[in-house]
């Protein structure tokens, strides 16, 4: 089950060495760079109990199937995440189930956050190797549409992680309204309004602390040419503009999602970063995961973002 990482102790080895003119002080080795870390963002496709057809029968509260779970965990284990942000997970017991399955594969992510908003079934969650030092509630976000007041269905998962003593990373997780039509309103209009709420939240975060290392990830249910994506990114050239990492797989393909009803492949999962985080991103090690059996796990493919958690103001041409 979920626990806490043990505290780390700093141990000073050996006595202090007195220096003299005849014996110059020993050379202090250069400070070792922090290790690179991997953030993985993944829509798990209903890792929860819901109405499903099982062996030809309609079951009102069936979990995600074992073959699907096994495939998803195998893919995640191959990616070796240090931080995992997921969409479409259910309760704390589902988070614990995912954690335990990953731990059995050698991936221990003991710190977790489950974000609950208006959607009673599909939630956002974060599992991390690093302590979560702060989280903000963002469940009470609403907009007006056709005379109704509607919520941002899945809210915004907001977590600050202490990666090392000198480096914090703030993660925002999103899952905008699906493309499925509903009685409450036109689905594309609902997504546009939700995108405005997300952008307003980003502005508040960055106005409060412009130096934040900010990563926004998730399933936005729109492609990059659509208005919600442009709204979330903000005005190009503005200090608070978010950059799309434009990830692709090993074959150069950008799609992250397969919609079987229309038989189409789209990129609707994104990773956005602000100016403060850009120098720390290792673009050559950031990608869309390619797996020959990815559809056995989910209708989405995971995003992998690799960071070197060392505060930098200019982007190096190669890894230091």
Foldseek 3Di string as FASTA:
>chain_A
DFDDDDDDDDDDDDDDDDDDPVRHDDDDDDDDFFDKAKEKEEAQAAQFFAFDQDPNRTDGTDGDDPLQLVLVLVLVLVVQHQKYKYKNHADPVSVVVNQVSNVVSVRHQREKDWAAAQANGMEIMMTHNFHFPDWDHFRPAWDDDPRDIGTQRHGWTWTWTPPDPVFIAIEIEHAGFACDDDPVDHRLVRLQVSLLSLLVVLVVVCVVPVLHWYKYWYFSNDACVDNSNDSNQDDPPDQSGWDWLQAAEPVRHRFFFADVVVRDTGNRITMITGLFQVQFWDSVSWHWDDDPPNVSHHRGTMTMIMGRRDGDNDHDPDDD
